[in-house]
Amino acid sequence: MNIEVIDPQGLPQLYTTQDGSLPDRNPLNIGNVPNVDLPLRNKPTGRWHVQVFAKPCQVELYNVGGQPIQLQSAAGSLTLAPREQQGIPYHQQITLDDHRFTFYAPRSSKVINVEVAFPTPTELTAAHTANNPLEGVITLHNDGEQAEVQFNLRVEGLPEGAYRFGDSNPKLSYIRQESIKFWVYHPGYLLPHGTHCLQIYAEAPHEYPHEVAVGSHALYVQPHYSHSLKFG
């Protein structure tokens, strides 16, 4: 997992398991107390300690300490009580103490990668039809030695007919990354309302056999209502 931290002075720092600045374990411990994986500057307002669990579509923050912690995110502010857990989608910035955090999903392949981006928080409503879909962007990365790479893409977390790709078999020729459009429609009764994990799998079986990259995004599906009047 990668974590971008912006300190109170506005200076960003990326911590990652790839360069060793973060240990490769789950959960990670962050806070302003001793003996944590990511120690931050102590603040006179209080001591805090959070465990960060990496999940497929989000991280879950668990307040290990004995005091409540205030969080600010795109969804608003909330209080994380002691021994309480809260899910935070990847790529969504939160403010915790006087630092800003953005969590990025761990990579499943070193040679290919896929990122999924939608407006956040992402809500799929009944207004999102085939003629008015919710639009996202999929970015593919070729970080290996092959100059030309043919990708195959597939979706988990949404039923067939509830999405479409701008190109489901994109080819990267002598470029390292490319973005394609991805549209999502409300699936009606095929998917219960609530938060679902949308996952895009990318493979390049000819150039990079056995390599699979996964990009994920938390998607909130609103209820679908259908009413009819019957006269007898």
Protein backbone atom coordinates (compact mmCIF):
# COMPACT_ATOMS: atom_id res chain seq x y z
CA MET A 1 0.00 0.00 0.00
CA ASN A 2 1.12 3.55 -0.75
CA ILE A 3 0.31 6.49 1.51
CA GLU A 4 0.76 10.14 0.58
CA VAL A 5 1.08 12.39 3.62
CA ILE A 6 0.95 16.19 3.44
CA ASP A 7 2.35 17.76 6.59
CA PRO A 8 1.03 20.94 8.27
CA GLN A 9 3.44 23.03 6.17
CA GLY A 10 1.95 21.61 2.95
CA LEU A 11 4.93 19.42 2.07
CA PRO A 12 3.97 16.03 0.52
CA GLN A 13 5.76 12.78 1.21
CA LEU A 14 5.00 9.41 -0.39
CA TYR A 15 5.49 6.33 1.76
CA THR A 16 5.45 2.97 0.02
CA THR A 17 6.27 -0.67 0.62
CA GLN A 18 8.20 -0.68 -2.68
CA ASP A 19 11.03 1.58 -1.52
CA GLY A 20 11.02 0.27 2.03
CA SER A 21 9.70 3.46 3.65
CA LEU A 22 6.71 1.38 4.75
CA PRO A 23 6.85 -2.21 5.98
CA ASP A 24 4.94 -4.67 3.80
CA ARG A 25 2.30 -5.76 6.28
CA ASN A 26 -1.40 -5.43 6.94
CA PRO A 27 -2.44 -3.66 9.09
CA LEU A 28 -0.06 -0.71 9.21
CA ASN A 29 0.22 1.37 12.35
CA ILE A 30 0.38 5.16 12.10
CA GLY A 31 0.22 7.85 14.75
CA ASN A 32 2.19 10.18 16.98
CA VAL A 33 3.07 7.50 19.54
CA PRO A 34 6.29 5.45 19.71
CA ASN A 35 6.88 2.17 17.86
CA VAL A 36 4.48 2.66 14.93
CA ASP A 37 5.20 1.91 11.27
CA LEU A 38 4.62 5.52 10.19
CA PRO A 39 5.45 7.92 13.04
CA LEU A 40 4.23 11.51 12.72
CA ARG A 41 5.12 14.64 14.62
CA ASN A 42 3.66 14.73 18.11
CA LYS A 43 1.03 17.39 18.65
CA PRO A 44 0.14 18.89 22.05
CA THR A 45 -3.58 18.34 21.43
CA GLY A 46 -3.28 14.63 22.18
CA ARG A 47 -1.78 11.28 21.26
CA TRP A 48 -3.36 9.03 18.64
CA HIS A 49 -2.72 5.63 17.10
CA VAL A 50 -4.59 4.20 14.10
CA GLN A 51 -4.31 0.82 12.42
CA VAL A 52 -4.81 0.87 8.64
CA PHE A 53 -6.23 -2.30 7.06
CA ALA A 54 -5.89 -2.61 3.26
CA LYS A 55 -9.09 -3.96 1.67
CA PRO A 56 -9.93 -4.47 -2.05
CA CYS A 57 -11.74 -1.13 -2.48
CA GLN A 58 -10.83 0.88 0.58
CA VAL A 59 -8.79 1.09 3.73
CA GLU A 60 -10.34 0.62 7.14
CA LEU A 61 -9.08 2.81 9.95
CA TYR A 62 -9.24 1.39 13.46
CA ASN A 63 -8.72 3.70 16.43
CA VAL A 64 -6.40 1.79 18.74
CA GLY A 65 -6.02 4.66 21.21
CA GLY A 66 -8.17 5.68 24.12
CA GLN A 67 -9.28 9.06 22.76
CA PRO A 68 -11.70 9.94 19.92
CA ILE A 69 -10.13 11.12 16.65
CA GLN A 70 -11.60 13.72 14.31
CA LEU A 71 -11.56 12.91 10.57
CA GLN A 72 -12.33 15.23 7.66
CA SER A 73 -13.05 13.86 4.18
CA ALA A 74 -15.03 14.65 1.02
CA ALA A 75 -18.03 13.04 2.72
CA GLY A 76 -17.79 15.47 5.68
CA SER A 77 -16.44 15.24 9.21
CA LEU A 78 -16.81 12.36 11.61
CA THR A 79 -15.53 11.22 14.96
CA LEU A 80 -13.71 7.91 15.19
CA ALA A 81 -14.36 6.71 18.72
CA PRO A 82 -11.91 4.44 20.58
CA ARG A 83 -12.05 0.87 19.25
CA GLU A 84 -14.19 2.05 16.34
CA GLN A 85 -13.55 1.30 12.66
CA GLN A 86 -14.23 3.46 9.57
CA GLY A 87 -13.85 2.69 5.86
CA ILE A 88 -12.13 5.25 3.59
CA PRO A 89 -12.10 4.73 -0.22
CA TYR A 90 -8.76 4.70 -1.99
CA HIS A 91 -7.71 8.01 -3.60
CA GLN A 92 -9.95 10.00 -1.23
CA GLN A 93 -8.00 12.51 0.83
CA ILE A 94 -8.70 12.72 4.55
CA THR A 95 -7.42 15.04 7.26
CA LEU A 96 -6.38 13.33 10.47
CA ASP A 97 -4.87 15.41 13.24
CA ASP A 98 -3.03 18.15 11.29
CA HIS A 99 -1.91 15.88 8.41
CA ARG A 100 -3.66 15.06 5.14
CA PHE A 101 -3.61 11.44 3.96
CA THR A 102 -4.38 9.74 0.65
CA PHE A 103 -4.26 5.94 0.54
CA TYR A 104 -3.51 4.02 -2.66
CA ALA A 105 -4.23 0.34 -3.21
CA PRO A 106 -1.30 -2.09 -3.20
CA ARG A 107 -0.14 -3.16 -6.66
CA SER A 108 -0.60 -6.78 -7.70
CA SER A 109 1.94 -6.62 -10.57
CA LYS A 110 5.25 -4.84 -11.04
CA VAL A 111 5.04 -4.69 -14.84
CA ILE A 112 1.43 -3.67 -15.50
CA ASN A 113 -0.97 -1.56 -13.52
CA VAL A 114 -4.53 -0.24 -13.80
CA GLU A 115 -6.08 2.74 -12.02
CA VAL A 116 -9.80 3.51 -11.82
CA ALA A 117 -11.02 7.08 -11.26
CA PHE A 118 -14.53 8.44 -10.74
CA PRO A 119 -15.82 11.60 -9.08
CA THR A 120 -15.78 11.10 -5.30
CA PRO A 121 -17.85 10.25 -3.41
CA THR A 122 -19.17 8.00 -6.20
CA GLU A 123 -22.93 7.41 -6.25
CA LEU A 124 -24.80 5.48 -8.90
CA THR A 125 -28.40 6.68 -9.09
CA ALA A 126 -31.46 5.71 -11.12
CA ALA A 127 -30.75 8.78 -13.28
CA HIS A 128 -27.60 7.06 -14.58
CA THR A 129 -29.04 5.26 -17.59
CA ALA A 130 -27.46 4.08 -20.85
CA ASN A 131 -28.17 7.55 -22.26
CA ASN A 132 -26.87 9.35 -19.18
CA PRO A 133 -24.16 7.14 -17.65
CA LEU A 134 -21.73 7.85 -14.86
CA GLU A 135 -18.36 8.42 -16.52
CA GLY A 136 -15.02 7.25 -15.17
CA VAL A 137 -11.49 6.87 -16.48
CA ILE A 138 -9.29 3.77 -16.55
CA THR A 139 -5.54 4.38 -16.82
CA LEU A 140 -3.32 1.51 -17.93
CA HIS A 141 0.41 1.39 -17.25
CA ASN A 142 3.11 -0.62 -19.00
CA ASP A 143 6.07 -0.64 -16.61
CA GLY A 144 7.78 -3.70 -18.06
CA GLU A 145 10.27 -4.24 -20.89
CA GLN A 146 7.81 -4.92 -23.72
CA ALA A 147 7.31 -1.97 -26.11
CA GLU A 148 3.88 -3.06 -27.39
CA VAL A 149 1.32 -4.50 -25.02
CA GLN A 150 -2.20 -5.76 -25.79
CA PHE A 151 -4.44 -5.56 -22.73
CA ASN A 152 -7.58 -7.55 -21.97
CA LEU A 153 -9.97 -5.94 -19.48
CA ARG A 154 -12.75 -7.47 -17.41
CA VAL A 155 -15.07 -6.26 -14.66
CA GLU A 156 -16.15 -7.68 -11.32
CA GLY A 157 -18.70 -6.10 -9.02
CA LEU A 158 -21.23 -5.04 -11.67
CA PRO A 159 -23.59 -7.20 -13.72
CA GLU A 160 -23.27 -7.51 -17.49
CA GLY A 161 -25.06 -4.70 -19.26
CA ALA A 162 -24.40 -2.16 -16.49
CA TYR A 163 -21.16 -0.82 -17.99
CA ARG A 164 -19.18 -0.35 -21.17
CA PHE A 165 -15.57 0.41 -22.06
CA GLY A 166 -14.30 2.97 -24.52
CA ASP A 167 -11.98 0.12 -25.58
CA SER A 168 -11.99 -3.28 -23.86
CA ASN A 169 -8.80 -4.46 -25.62
CA PRO A 170 -6.53 -1.42 -25.69
CA LYS A 171 -3.02 -1.67 -27.13
CA LEU A 172 -0.13 0.42 -25.86
CA SER A 173 2.52 0.92 -28.55
CA TYR A 174 5.76 2.56 -27.41
CA ILE A 175 3.94 4.54 -24.72
CA ARG A 176 3.95 3.84 -21.02
CA GLN A 177 0.39 4.72 -20.11
CA GLU A 178 -2.97 5.37 -21.70
CA SER A 179 -6.39 6.40 -20.38
CA ILE A 180 -9.72 5.14 -21.69
CA LYS A 181 -13.29 6.07 -20.81
CA PHE A 182 -15.49 3.75 -18.77
CA TRP A 183 -19.25 4.24 -18.36
CA VAL A 184 -21.52 2.78 -15.70
CA TYR A 185 -25.34 2.59 -15.56
CA HIS A 186 -27.64 1.82 -12.67
CA PRO A 187 -28.27 -1.95 -12.73
CA GLY A 188 -31.79 -1.70 -11.34
CA TYR A 189 -32.83 -4.73 -9.30
CA LEU A 190 -29.76 -6.72 -10.36
CA LEU A 191 -27.66 -5.19 -7.58
CA PRO A 192 -28.85 -4.36 -4.04
CA HIS A 193 -28.36 -0.81 -2.86
CA GLY A 194 -25.32 -0.03 -0.75
CA THR A 195 -21.57 0.18 -1.24
CA HIS A 196 -20.06 -2.22 -3.75
CA CYS A 197 -16.48 -2.86 -4.80
CA LEU A 198 -15.96 -2.26 -8.53
CA GLN A 199 -12.81 -4.05 -9.74
CA ILE A 200 -11.18 -3.79 -13.18
CA TYR A 201 -8.78 -6.62 -14.05
CA ALA A 202 -6.11 -6.03 -16.71
CA GLU A 203 -4.06 -8.81 -18.30
CA ALA A 204 -1.54 -8.97 -21.12
CA PRO A 205 -1.21 -12.75 -21.55
CA HIS A 206 1.10 -12.70 -24.59
CA GLU A 207 3.57 -10.06 -23.39
CA TYR A 208 3.42 -10.70 -19.63
CA PRO A 209 2.07 -14.21 -18.94
CA HIS A 210 0.62 -14.81 -15.46
CA GLU A 211 0.62 -11.08 -14.63
CA VAL A 212 -2.69 -9.60 -13.49
CA ALA A 213 -3.29 -6.01 -12.39
CA VAL A 214 -6.38 -4.93 -10.46
CA GLY A 215 -7.82 -1.45 -10.11
CA SER A 216 -10.68 -0.87 -7.68
CA HIS A 217 -13.17 1.80 -6.71
CA ALA A 218 -15.89 1.96 -4.05
CA LEU A 219 -19.27 2.57 -5.68
CA TYR A 220 -22.43 3.43 -3.75
CA VAL A 221 -25.54 2.15 -5.55
CA GLN A 222 -28.71 3.99 -4.60
CA PRO A 223 -32.02 2.11 -4.32
CA HIS A 224 -34.02 1.52 -7.48
CA TYR A 225 -37.76 2.11 -7.35
CA SER A 226 -40.33 1.21 -9.96
CA HIS A 227 -44.01 1.97 -9.49
CA SER A 228 -47.03 1.20 -11.58
CA LEU A 229 -50.71 1.96 -11.25
CA LYS A 230 -53.27 -0.73 -11.80
CA PHE A 231 -56.90 0.11 -12.39
CA GLY A 232 -59.51 -2.55 -11.99
